[in-house]
Amino acid sequence: MAQRTLSSERRRAAWLLLSPMLVVLVAVAVWPLARTFYFSLTNATLVDMSEYRFVGLSNYLAYEGGRWYGVLSDPQWLAALRNTMIFVVVSVSLETILGILIALLLNAKFPGRGLMRAAMLVPWAIPTVVSAKMWSWMLNDQFGVINDMLMRLGLIGTPMAWLADPSLSMVSVIMVDVWKTTPFVALLVLAALQMVPKDCYEAAAVDGIGSAKVFFCVTLPLIAPALAVAVIFRLLDAMRMFDLVYVMTGATDATMTLSVFAQRELVDFQDVGYGSAASTLLFFIIALLTSLYVMTMRVGTSGSSR
């Protein structure tokens, strides 16, 4: 009985300590999200926020007059969804692979390792808007240093419009994002590598196991939790990517992401209802993908533990 009372007192103390954080979370996250969902069910505009009416799910999808309309049937939103998924898959995959390779390199002992670790964090430490503007100048087709360097090396004959050409703009944005955020993945993986017991490698060396097999059978399973955290954070950031794309290419069709589409509808077109619907859909897509990834990692971890 005394133990049960002590347990209930601990639970009450835990909730009491967590209550300030929960209040702040509701104020800065739950309430704005609820308001966004509410406005997505109306025809509110920035022209006059005092007068609007409830329109239900019409901003999402509706059928009237022999045609479908709403965000889910908007060709530009579907194109933004395609662009976002391409950006997410390519950038996160490259950042994960490069982050693991860089972490393995920095985990080895060599002269100047501390300096290399510090230098690795420079791209990640630079604000995204600053990085986007800096790379926009470097990729400029008239005076950019990238074109000048490639022409001096004989790799191209004429300057390339990296940010104006629809076939190159997405490649450029992905390249800059990989340059900036790969250090984040490498940092988390490096921290996990520091925690791997040395006994595992010593036993593998005694058994004569090759380096590749040691990595896939020993190192990778042990750093999988940290790697999962890094990938989840990168998925969240990549799915809601706005500042890098908006600064480098603006609201162009070739690189427009879901966040840029929502911003255009909300701010440029001043359609609060339609833009709120696009923002709400983006939230649910991020939540769905994150949940699926976490469930997959949990199933994989439980399967490997058996």
C-alpha atoms as a PDB file:
ATOM      1  CA  MET A   1       0.000   0.000   0.000  1.00  0.00           C
ATOM      2  CA  ALA A   2       2.822   2.395   0.853  1.00  0.00           C
ATOM      3  CA  GLN A   3       4.548   1.558  -2.417  1.00  0.00           C
ATOM      4  CA  ARG A   4       1.358   2.269  -4.380  1.00  0.00           C
ATOM      5  CA  THR A   5       0.964   5.626  -2.621  1.00  0.00           C
ATOM      6  CA  LEU A   6       4.588   6.509  -3.375  1.00  0.00           C
ATOM      7  CA  SER A   7       4.086   5.608  -7.026  1.00  0.00           C
ATOM      8  CA  SER A   8       0.982   7.824  -7.317  1.00  0.00           C
ATOM      9  CA  GLU A   9       2.827  10.695  -5.641  1.00  0.00           C
ATOM     10  CA  ARG A  10       5.652  10.354  -8.155  1.00  0.00           C
ATOM     11  CA  ARG A  11       3.184  10.431 -11.040  1.00  0.00           C
ATOM     12  CA  ARG A  12       1.557  13.567  -9.659  1.00  0.00           C
ATOM     13  CA  ALA A  13       4.974  15.176  -9.207  1.00  0.00           C
ATOM     14  CA  ALA A  14       5.922  14.244 -12.761  1.00  0.00           C
ATOM     15  CA  TRP A  15       2.741  15.796 -14.182  1.00  0.00           C
ATOM     16  CA  LEU A  16       3.287  18.869 -12.029  1.00  0.00           C
ATOM     17  CA  LEU A  17       6.808  19.307 -13.400  1.00  0.00           C
ATOM     18  CA  LEU A  18       5.639  18.692 -16.973  1.00  0.00           C
ATOM     19  CA  SER A  19       2.652  21.038 -16.800  1.00  0.00           C
ATOM     20  CA  PRO A  20       4.556  24.275 -17.681  1.00  0.00           C
ATOM     21  CA  MET A  21       6.046  22.591 -20.761  1.00  0.00           C
ATOM     22  CA  LEU A  22       2.618  21.239 -21.784  1.00  0.00           C
ATOM     23  CA  VAL A  23       1.066  24.700 -21.446  1.00  0.00           C
ATOM     24  CA  VAL A  24       3.779  26.226 -23.632  1.00  0.00           C
ATOM     25  CA  LEU A  25       3.401  23.388 -26.149  1.00  0.00           C
ATOM     26  CA  VAL A  26      -0.347  23.961 -26.395  1.00  0.00           C
ATOM     27  CA  ALA A  27       0.191  27.711 -26.783  1.00  0.00           C
ATOM     28  CA  VAL A  28       2.849  27.551 -29.510  1.00  0.00           C
ATOM     29  CA  ALA A  29       1.871  24.366 -31.368  1.00  0.00           C
ATOM     30  CA  VAL A  30      -1.579  22.929 -30.715  1.00  0.00           C
ATOM     31  CA  TRP A  31      -3.524  26.205 -30.749  1.00  0.00           C
ATOM     32  CA  PRO A  32      -2.020  27.555 -34.027  1.00  0.00           C
ATOM     33  CA  LEU A  33      -2.520  24.135 -35.641  1.00  0.00           C
ATOM     34  CA  ALA A  34      -6.156  24.043 -34.518  1.00  0.00           C
ATOM     35  CA  ARG A  35      -6.724  27.574 -35.851  1.00  0.00           C
ATOM     36  CA  THR A  36      -5.136  26.635 -39.164  1.00  0.00           C
ATOM     37  CA  PHE A  37      -7.418  23.612 -39.485  1.00  0.00           C
ATOM     38  CA  TYR A  38     -10.418  25.767 -38.575  1.00  0.00           C
ATOM     39  CA  PHE A  39      -9.621  28.379 -41.234  1.00  0.00           C
ATOM     40  CA  SER A  40      -9.113  25.599 -43.791  1.00  0.00           C
ATOM     41  CA  LEU A  41     -12.839  24.888 -43.439  1.00  0.00           C
ATOM     42  CA  THR A  42     -13.769  28.496 -44.294  1.00  0.00           C
ATOM     43  CA  ASN A  43     -13.433  30.900 -47.230  1.00  0.00           C
ATOM     44  CA  ALA A  44     -11.510  33.482 -45.170  1.00  0.00           C
ATOM     45  CA  THR A  45      -9.167  35.902 -46.941  1.00  0.00           C
ATOM     46  CA  LEU A  46      -6.647  38.481 -45.751  1.00  0.00           C
ATOM     47  CA  VAL A  47      -8.690  41.195 -47.447  1.00  0.00           C
ATOM     48  CA  ASP A  48     -11.370  40.951 -44.757  1.00  0.00           C
ATOM     49  CA  MET A  49     -10.810  38.491 -41.914  1.00  0.00           C
ATOM     50  CA  SER A  50     -13.975  39.637 -40.129  1.00  0.00           C
ATOM     51  CA  GLU A  51     -16.368  38.150 -42.693  1.00  0.00           C
ATOM     52  CA  TYR A  52     -16.085  34.552 -43.790  1.00  0.00           C
ATOM     53  CA  ARG A  53     -18.336  31.522 -43.893  1.00  0.00           C
ATOM     54  CA  PHE A  54     -17.985  27.816 -43.268  1.00  0.00           C
ATOM     55  CA  VAL A  55     -17.434  25.828 -46.499  1.00  0.00           C
ATOM     56  CA  GLY A  56     -16.591  22.409 -45.051  1.00  0.00           C
ATOM     57  CA  LEU A  57     -14.051  20.350 -46.969  1.00  0.00           C
ATOM     58  CA  SER A  58     -14.425  22.352 -50.181  1.00  0.00           C
ATOM     59  CA  ASN A  59     -10.900  23.746 -49.869  1.00  0.00           C
ATOM     60  CA  TYR A  60      -9.558  20.187 -49.759  1.00  0.00           C
ATOM     61  CA  LEU A  61     -11.676  18.464 -52.409  1.00  0.00           C
ATOM     62  CA  ALA A  62     -15.135  19.066 -53.809  1.00  0.00           C
ATOM     63  CA  TYR A  63     -17.121  18.240 -56.934  1.00  0.00           C
ATOM     64  CA  GLU A  64     -19.332  20.842 -58.520  1.00  0.00           C
ATOM     65  CA  GLY A  65     -20.363  21.783 -62.014  1.00  0.00           C
ATOM     66  CA  GLY A  66     -18.944  18.619 -63.543  1.00  0.00           C
ATOM     67  CA  ARG A  67     -15.405  19.122 -62.226  1.00  0.00           C
ATOM     68  CA  TRP A  68     -13.288  18.558 -59.143  1.00  0.00           C
ATOM     69  CA  TYR A  69     -11.726  21.487 -57.347  1.00  0.00           C
ATOM     70  CA  GLY A  70      -9.768  22.015 -54.137  1.00  0.00           C
ATOM     71  CA  VAL A  71      -6.170  21.569 -53.050  1.00  0.00           C
ATOM     72  CA  LEU A  72      -6.091  17.816 -53.663  1.00  0.00           C
ATOM     73  CA  SER A  73      -7.105  18.320 -57.297  1.00  0.00           C
ATOM     74  CA  ASP A  74      -4.956  21.410 -57.916  1.00  0.00           C
ATOM     75  CA  PRO A  75      -2.310  20.593 -60.576  1.00  0.00           C
ATOM     76  CA  GLN A  76       0.145  23.038 -59.003  1.00  0.00           C
ATOM     77  CA  TRP A  77      -0.256  21.441 -55.562  1.00  0.00           C
ATOM     78  CA  LEU A  78       0.281  17.990 -57.078  1.00  0.00           C
ATOM     79  CA  ALA A  79       3.398  19.301 -58.836  1.00  0.00           C
ATOM     80  CA  ALA A  80       4.605  20.791 -55.542  1.00  0.00           C
ATOM     81  CA  LEU A  81       3.999  17.427 -53.867  1.00  0.00           C
ATOM     82  CA  ARG A  82       6.076  15.707 -56.554  1.00  0.00           C
ATOM     83  CA  ASN A  83       8.865  18.261 -56.192  1.00  0.00           C
ATOM     84  CA  THR A  84       8.830  17.877 -52.417  1.00  0.00           C
ATOM     85  CA  MET A  85       9.024  14.090 -52.546  1.00  0.00           C
ATOM     86  CA  ILE A  86      11.888  14.222 -55.055  1.00  0.00           C
ATOM     87  CA  PHE A  87      13.708  16.713 -52.853  1.00  0.00           C
ATOM     88  CA  VAL A  88      13.133  14.613 -49.719  1.00  0.00           C
ATOM     89  CA  VAL A  89      14.155  11.259 -51.176  1.00  0.00           C
ATOM     90  CA  VAL A  90      17.270  12.475 -52.994  1.00  0.00           C
ATOM     91  CA  SER A  91      18.568  14.934 -50.401  1.00  0.00           C
ATOM     92  CA  VAL A  92      17.967  12.766 -47.316  1.00  0.00           C
ATOM     93  CA  SER A  93      19.456   9.699 -49.043  1.00  0.00           C
ATOM     94  CA  LEU A  94      22.597  11.584 -50.060  1.00  0.00           C
ATOM     95  CA  GLU A  95      22.941  13.225 -46.650  1.00  0.00           C
ATOM     96  CA  THR A  96      22.604   9.883 -44.889  1.00  0.00           C
ATOM     97  CA  ILE A  97      25.222   8.150 -47.048  1.00  0.00           C
ATOM     98  CA  LEU A  98      27.670  11.061 -46.975  1.00  0.00           C
ATOM     99  CA  GLY A  99      27.070  11.637 -43.262  1.00  0.00           C
ATOM    100  CA  ILE A 100      27.977   8.029 -42.448  1.00  0.00           C
ATOM    101  CA  LEU A 101      31.108   8.182 -44.613  1.00  0.00           C
ATOM    102  CA  ILE A 102      32.264  11.463 -43.058  1.00  0.00           C
ATOM    103  CA  ALA A 103      31.562  10.175 -39.554  1.00  0.00           C
ATOM    104  CA  LEU A 104      33.596   7.019 -40.217  1.00  0.00           C
ATOM    105  CA  LEU A 105      36.449   9.163 -41.506  1.00  0.00           C
ATOM    106  CA  LEU A 106      36.395  11.502 -38.516  1.00  0.00           C
ATOM    107  CA  ASN A 107      36.141   8.584 -36.113  1.00  0.00           C
ATOM    108  CA  ALA A 108      39.550   7.347 -37.251  1.00  0.00           C
ATOM    109  CA  LYS A 109      42.709   8.661 -35.611  1.00  0.00           C
ATOM    110  CA  PHE A 110      44.803  11.013 -37.753  1.00  0.00           C
ATOM    111  CA  PRO A 111      46.635  14.328 -37.258  1.00  0.00           C
ATOM    112  CA  GLY A 112      44.299  17.320 -37.311  1.00  0.00           C
ATOM    113  CA  ARG A 113      41.172  15.314 -36.523  1.00  0.00           C
ATOM    114  CA  GLY A 114      39.916  17.935 -34.058  1.00  0.00           C
ATOM    115  CA  LEU A 115      40.293  20.713 -36.630  1.00  0.00           C
ATOM    116  CA  MET A 116      38.456  18.634 -39.229  1.00  0.00           C
ATOM    117  CA  ARG A 117      35.579  18.020 -36.820  1.00  0.00           C
ATOM    118  CA  ALA A 118      35.258  21.739 -36.138  1.00  0.00           C
ATOM    119  CA  ALA A 119      35.467  22.659 -39.836  1.00  0.00           C
ATOM    120  CA  MET A 120      32.782  20.104 -40.669  1.00  0.00           C
ATOM    121  CA  LEU A 121      30.211  22.067 -38.673  1.00  0.00           C
ATOM    122  CA  VAL A 122      30.721  25.360 -40.527  1.00  0.00           C
ATOM    123  CA  PRO A 123      28.147  24.736 -43.317  1.00  0.00           C
ATOM    124  CA  TRP A 124      25.549  23.617 -40.768  1.00  0.00           C
ATOM    125  CA  ALA A 125      26.220  26.632 -38.529  1.00  0.00           C
ATOM    126  CA  ILE A 126      25.588  29.157 -41.325  1.00  0.00           C
ATOM    127  CA  PRO A 127      21.933  30.333 -41.354  1.00  0.00           C
ATOM    128  CA  THR A 128      19.922  28.812 -44.186  1.00  0.00           C
ATOM    129  CA  VAL A 129      18.989  32.157 -45.740  1.00  0.00           C
ATOM    130  CA  VAL A 130      22.639  33.216 -45.756  1.00  0.00           C
ATOM    131  CA  SER A 131      23.677  29.925 -47.349  1.00  0.00           C
ATOM    132  CA  ALA A 132      20.943  30.215 -49.969  1.00  0.00           C
ATOM    133  CA  LYS A 133      21.938  33.758 -50.910  1.00  0.00           C
ATOM    134  CA  MET A 134      25.641  32.889 -50.975  1.00  0.00           C
ATOM    135  CA  TRP A 135      25.063  29.921 -53.281  1.00  0.00           C
ATOM    136  CA  SER A 136      22.715  31.982 -55.464  1.00  0.00           C
ATOM    137  CA  TRP A 137      25.608  34.346 -56.190  1.00  0.00           C
ATOM    138  CA  MET A 138      28.040  31.472 -56.711  1.00  0.00           C
ATOM    139  CA  LEU A 139      25.639  29.741 -59.153  1.00  0.00           C
ATOM    140  CA  ASN A 140      24.802  32.899 -61.086  1.00  0.00           C
ATOM    141  CA  ASP A 141      25.126  32.304 -64.833  1.00  0.00           C
ATOM    142  CA  GLN A 142      26.822  35.678 -65.482  1.00  0.00           C
ATOM    143  CA  PHE A 143      29.314  36.242 -62.646  1.00  0.00           C
ATOM    144  CA  GLY A 144      29.071  33.051 -60.572  1.00  0.00           C
ATOM    145  CA  VAL A 145      32.304  31.404 -59.442  1.00  0.00           C
ATOM    146  CA  ILE A 146      30.943  27.899 -60.128  1.00  0.00           C
ATOM    147  CA  ASN A 147      30.593  28.503 -63.866  1.00  0.00           C
ATOM    148  CA  ASP A 148      33.976  30.210 -63.981  1.00  0.00           C
ATOM    149  CA  MET A 149      35.650  27.281 -62.242  1.00  0.00           C
ATOM    150  CA  LEU A 150      33.986  24.679 -64.470  1.00  0.00           C
ATOM    151  CA  MET A 151      34.912  26.612 -67.617  1.00  0.00           C
ATOM    152  CA  ARG A 152      38.543  26.925 -66.492  1.00  0.00           C
ATOM    153  CA  LEU A 153      38.632  23.161 -65.963  1.00  0.00           C
ATOM    154  CA  GLY A 154      37.150  22.601 -69.417  1.00  0.00           C
ATOM    155  CA  LEU A 155      34.097  20.772 -68.081  1.00  0.00           C
ATOM    156  CA  ILE A 156      31.636  23.174 -69.724  1.00  0.00           C
ATOM    157  CA  GLY A 157      31.952  25.421 -72.753  1.00  0.00           C
ATOM    158  CA  THR A 158      29.361  28.079 -71.905  1.00  0.00           C
ATOM    159  CA  PRO A 159      27.934  29.358 -68.604  1.00  0.00           C
ATOM    160  CA  MET A 160      25.014  27.332 -67.279  1.00  0.00           C
ATOM    161  CA  ALA A 161      21.870  28.879 -65.803  1.00  0.00           C
ATOM    162  CA  TRP A 162      21.831  26.730 -62.677  1.00  0.00           C
ATOM    163  CA  LEU A 163      18.858  28.442 -61.034  1.00  0.00           C
ATOM    164  CA  ALA A 164      16.946  29.595 -64.116  1.00  0.00           C
ATOM    165  CA  ASP A 165      16.997  26.347 -66.094  1.00  0.00           C
ATOM    166  CA  PRO A 166      14.090  24.091 -64.930  1.00  0.00           C
ATOM    167  CA  SER A 167      16.215  20.998 -65.548  1.00  0.00           C
ATOM    168  CA  LEU A 168      19.034  22.276 -63.289  1.00  0.00           C
ATOM    169  CA  SER A 169      17.273  24.288 -60.580  1.00  0.00           C
ATOM    170  CA  MET A 170      16.130  21.288 -58.526  1.00  0.00           C
ATOM    171  CA  VAL A 171      19.599  19.734 -58.807  1.00  0.00           C
ATOM    172  CA  SER A 172      21.122  22.988 -57.549  1.00  0.00           C
ATOM    173  CA  VAL A 173      18.757  23.246 -54.578  1.00  0.00           C
ATOM    174  CA  ILE A 174      19.407  19.629 -53.586  1.00  0.00           C
ATOM    175  CA  MET A 175      23.160  20.155 -53.909  1.00  0.00           C
ATOM    176  CA  VAL A 176      23.092  23.161 -51.568  1.00  0.00           C
ATOM    177  CA  ASP A 177      20.862  21.376 -49.061  1.00  0.00           C
ATOM    178  CA  VAL A 178      23.199  18.360 -49.013  1.00  0.00           C
ATOM    179  CA  TRP A 179      26.197  20.667 -48.521  1.00  0.00           C
ATOM    180  CA  LYS A 180      24.524  22.411 -45.588  1.00  0.00           C
ATOM    181  CA  THR A 181      22.871  19.568 -43.656  1.00  0.00           C
ATOM    182  CA  THR A 182      25.192  16.588 -44.167  1.00  0.00           C
ATOM    183  CA  PRO A 183      27.292  17.764 -41.143  1.00  0.00           C
ATOM    184  CA  PHE A 184      24.189  17.369 -38.956  1.00  0.00           C
ATOM    185  CA  VAL A 185      23.853  13.693 -39.895  1.00  0.00           C
ATOM    186  CA  ALA A 186      27.606  13.170 -39.592  1.00  0.00           C
ATOM    187  CA  LEU A 187      27.623  14.721 -36.104  1.00  0.00           C
ATOM    188  CA  LEU A 188      24.921  12.401 -34.772  1.00  0.00           C
ATOM    189  CA  VAL A 189      26.494   9.333 -36.379  1.00  0.00           C
ATOM    190  CA  LEU A 190      29.925  10.308 -35.045  1.00  0.00           C
ATOM    191  CA  ALA A 191      28.506  10.576 -31.538  1.00  0.00           C
ATOM    192  CA  ALA A 192      27.031   7.084 -31.902  1.00  0.00           C
ATOM    193  CA  LEU A 193      30.325   5.703 -33.197  1.00  0.00           C
ATOM    194  CA  GLN A 194      32.082   7.021 -30.102  1.00  0.00           C
ATOM    195  CA  MET A 195      29.761   4.871 -27.976  1.00  0.00           C
ATOM    196  CA  VAL A 196      30.368   1.584 -29.849  1.00  0.00           C
ATOM    197  CA  PRO A 197      32.279  -0.829 -27.561  1.00  0.00           C
ATOM    198  CA  LYS A 198      35.818  -1.479 -28.751  1.00  0.00           C
ATOM    199  CA  ASP A 199      35.462  -5.128 -27.732  1.00  0.00           C
ATOM    200  CA  CYS A 200      33.243  -5.742 -30.756  1.00  0.00           C
ATOM    201  CA  TYR A 201      35.965  -4.661 -33.166  1.00  0.00           C
ATOM    202  CA  GLU A 202      38.645  -6.570 -31.276  1.00  0.00           C
ATOM    203  CA  ALA A 203      36.589  -9.756 -31.440  1.00  0.00           C
ATOM    204  CA  ALA A 204      35.950  -9.234 -35.148  1.00  0.00           C
ATOM    205  CA  ALA A 205      39.676  -8.708 -35.758  1.00  0.00           C
ATOM    206  CA  VAL A 206      40.505 -11.935 -33.912  1.00  0.00           C
ATOM    207  CA  ASP A 207      37.973 -13.836 -36.023  1.00  0.00           C
ATOM    208  CA  GLY A 208      39.437 -12.336 -39.187  1.00  0.00           C
ATOM    209  CA  ILE A 209      36.203 -10.651 -40.334  1.00  0.00           C
ATOM    210  CA  GLY A 210      36.594  -8.118 -43.146  1.00  0.00           C
ATOM    211  CA  SER A 211      35.992  -4.402 -42.696  1.00  0.00           C
ATOM    212  CA  ALA A 212      32.872  -4.327 -44.886  1.00  0.00           C
ATOM    213  CA  LYS A 213      31.219  -7.174 -42.984  1.00  0.00           C
ATOM    214  CA  VAL A 214      32.150  -5.577 -39.643  1.00  0.00           C
ATOM    215  CA  PHE A 215      30.465  -2.352 -40.728  1.00  0.00           C
ATOM    216  CA  PHE A 216      27.204  -3.962 -41.894  1.00  0.00           C
ATOM    217  CA  CYS A 217      26.996  -6.619 -39.159  1.00  0.00           C
ATOM    218  CA  VAL A 218      28.441  -4.766 -36.159  1.00  0.00           C
ATOM    219  CA  THR A 219      28.714  -1.003 -36.621  1.00  0.00           C
ATOM    220  CA  LEU A 220      25.499  -0.292 -38.529  1.00  0.00           C
ATOM    221  CA  PRO A 221      23.170  -2.166 -36.131  1.00  0.00           C
ATOM    222  CA  LEU A 222      24.757  -0.435 -33.135  1.00  0.00           C
ATOM    223  CA  ILE A 223      24.433   3.076 -34.567  1.00  0.00           C
ATOM    224  CA  ALA A 224      20.957   2.410 -36.039  1.00  0.00           C
ATOM    225  CA  PRO A 225      19.055   4.277 -33.247  1.00  0.00           C
ATOM    226  CA  ALA A 226      21.137   7.434 -33.669  1.00  0.00           C
ATOM    227  CA  LEU A 227      20.899   7.138 -37.444  1.00  0.00           C
ATOM    228  CA  ALA A 228      17.118   6.800 -37.176  1.00  0.00           C
ATOM    229  CA  VAL A 229      16.941  10.021 -35.146  1.00  0.00           C
ATOM    230  CA  ALA A 230      19.068  11.844 -37.730  1.00  0.00           C
ATOM    231  CA  VAL A 231      16.926  10.614 -40.628  1.00  0.00           C
ATOM    232  CA  ILE A 232      13.672  11.539 -38.864  1.00  0.00           C
ATOM    233  CA  PHE A 233      14.903  15.075 -38.190  1.00  0.00           C
ATOM    234  CA  ARG A 234      16.053  15.408 -41.783  1.00  0.00           C
ATOM    235  CA  LEU A 235      12.731  14.074 -43.093  1.00  0.00           C
ATOM    236  CA  LEU A 236      10.871  16.669 -41.047  1.00  0.00           C
ATOM    237  CA  ASP A 237      13.121  19.488 -42.246  1.00  0.00           C
ATOM    238  CA  ALA A 238      13.091  18.390 -45.886  1.00  0.00           C
ATOM    239  CA  MET A 239       9.313  17.934 -46.046  1.00  0.00           C
ATOM    240  CA  ARG A 240       8.708  21.491 -44.836  1.00  0.00           C
ATOM    241  CA  MET A 241      11.587  23.052 -46.774  1.00  0.00           C
ATOM    242  CA  PHE A 242      10.810  26.679 -47.550  1.00  0.00           C
ATOM    243  CA  ASP A 243      13.605  29.196 -46.963  1.00  0.00           C
ATOM    244  CA  LEU A 244      16.293  27.543 -49.105  1.00  0.00           C
ATOM    245  CA  VAL A 245      13.974  27.032 -52.083  1.00  0.00           C
ATOM    246  CA  TYR A 246      12.282  30.420 -51.793  1.00  0.00           C
ATOM    247  CA  VAL A 247      15.511  32.412 -51.594  1.00  0.00           C
ATOM    248  CA  MET A 248      17.293  30.523 -54.377  1.00  0.00           C
ATOM    249  CA  THR A 249      14.513  30.030 -56.952  1.00  0.00           C
ATOM    250  CA  GLY A 250      11.367  31.717 -55.640  1.00  0.00           C
ATOM    251  CA  ALA A 251       7.942  30.241 -56.370  1.00  0.00           C
ATOM    252  CA  THR A 252       8.886  28.660 -59.699  1.00  0.00           C
ATOM    253  CA  ASP A 253       7.085  25.529 -60.866  1.00  0.00           C
ATOM    254  CA  ALA A 254      10.314  23.526 -61.208  1.00  0.00           C
ATOM    255  CA  THR A 255      11.234  23.758 -57.509  1.00  0.00           C
ATOM    256  CA  MET A 256       8.018  24.789 -55.740  1.00  0.00           C
ATOM    257  CA  THR A 257       7.600  22.742 -52.565  1.00  0.00           C
ATOM    258  CA  LEU A 258       4.471  22.271 -50.461  1.00  0.00           C
ATOM    259  CA  SER A 259       5.585  25.008 -48.039  1.00  0.00           C
ATOM    260  CA  VAL A 260       6.219  27.457 -50.866  1.00  0.00           C
ATOM    261  CA  PHE A 261       2.793  26.634 -52.339  1.00  0.00           C
ATOM    262  CA  ALA A 262       1.091  27.266 -48.979  1.00  0.00           C
ATOM    263  CA  GLN A 263       2.984  30.556 -48.532  1.00  0.00           C
ATOM    264  CA  ARG A 264       1.974  31.710 -51.995  1.00  0.00           C
ATOM    265  CA  GLU A 265      -1.708  31.011 -51.362  1.00  0.00           C
ATOM    266  CA  LEU A 266      -1.683  32.561 -47.889  1.00  0.00           C
ATOM    267  CA  VAL A 267       0.478  35.648 -48.474  1.00  0.00           C
ATOM    268  CA  ASP A 268       0.681  36.357 -52.187  1.00  0.00           C
ATOM    269  CA  PHE A 269      -2.901  35.403 -53.081  1.00  0.00           C
ATOM    270  CA  GLN A 270      -4.243  36.262 -49.568  1.00  0.00           C
ATOM    271  CA  ASP A 271      -6.507  33.195 -49.599  1.00  0.00           C
ATOM    272  CA  VAL A 272      -6.431  32.124 -45.951  1.00  0.00           C
ATOM    273  CA  GLY A 273      -8.851  29.223 -46.355  1.00  0.00           C
ATOM    274  CA  TYR A 274      -7.106  27.645 -49.328  1.00  0.00           C
ATOM    275  CA  GLY A 275      -3.631  28.258 -47.918  1.00  0.00           C
ATOM    276  CA  SER A 276      -4.638  26.840 -44.531  1.00  0.00           C
ATOM    277  CA  ALA A 277      -5.902  23.703 -46.264  1.00  0.00           C
ATOM    278  CA  ALA A 278      -2.538  23.323 -48.020  1.00  0.00           C
ATOM    279  CA  SER A 279      -0.699  23.828 -44.707  1.00  0.00           C
ATOM    280  CA  THR A 280      -2.911  21.290 -42.928  1.00  0.00           C
ATOM    281  CA  LEU A 281      -2.328  18.703 -45.639  1.00  0.00           C
ATOM    282  CA  LEU A 282       1.413  19.268 -45.317  1.00  0.00           C
ATOM    283  CA  PHE A 283       1.186  18.636 -41.570  1.00  0.00           C
ATOM    284  CA  PHE A 284      -0.718  15.378 -42.053  1.00  0.00           C
ATOM    285  CA  ILE A 285       1.702  14.190 -44.751  1.00  0.00           C
ATOM    286  CA  ILE A 286       4.681  14.851 -42.462  1.00  0.00           C
ATOM    287  CA  ALA A 287       2.955  13.110 -39.546  1.00  0.00           C
ATOM    288  CA  LEU A 288       2.082  10.101 -41.725  1.00  0.00           C
ATOM    289  CA  LEU A 289       5.568   9.685 -43.170  1.00  0.00           C
ATOM    290  CA  THR A 290       7.208  10.093 -39.760  1.00  0.00           C
ATOM    291  CA  SER A 291       4.863   7.551 -38.181  1.00  0.00           C
ATOM    292  CA  LEU A 292       5.506   5.043 -40.963  1.00  0.00           C
ATOM    293  CA  TYR A 293       9.263   5.489 -40.627  1.00  0.00           C
ATOM    294  CA  VAL A 294       9.178   5.098 -36.833  1.00  0.00           C
ATOM    295  CA  MET A 295       7.005   1.970 -37.119  1.00  0.00           C
ATOM    296  CA  THR A 296       9.351   0.504 -39.724  1.00  0.00           C
ATOM    297  CA  MET A 297      12.395   1.168 -37.550  1.00  0.00           C
ATOM    298  CA  ARG A 298      10.636  -0.298 -34.508  1.00  0.00           C
ATOM    299  CA  VAL A 299       9.691  -3.471 -36.389  1.00  0.00           C
ATOM    300  CA  GLY A 300      13.234  -3.774 -37.761  1.00  0.00           C
ATOM    301  CA  THR A 301      14.765  -3.276 -34.324  1.00  0.00           C
ATOM    302  CA  SER A 302      12.475  -5.815 -32.655  1.00  0.00           C
ATOM    303  CA  GLY A 303      13.120  -8.291 -35.464  1.00  0.00           C
ATOM    304  CA  SER A 304      16.899  -7.937 -35.183  1.00  0.00           C
ATOM    305  CA  SER A 305      16.758  -8.283 -31.382  1.00  0.00           C
ATOM    306  CA  ARG A 306      15.191 -11.707 -31.758  1.00  0.00           C
END
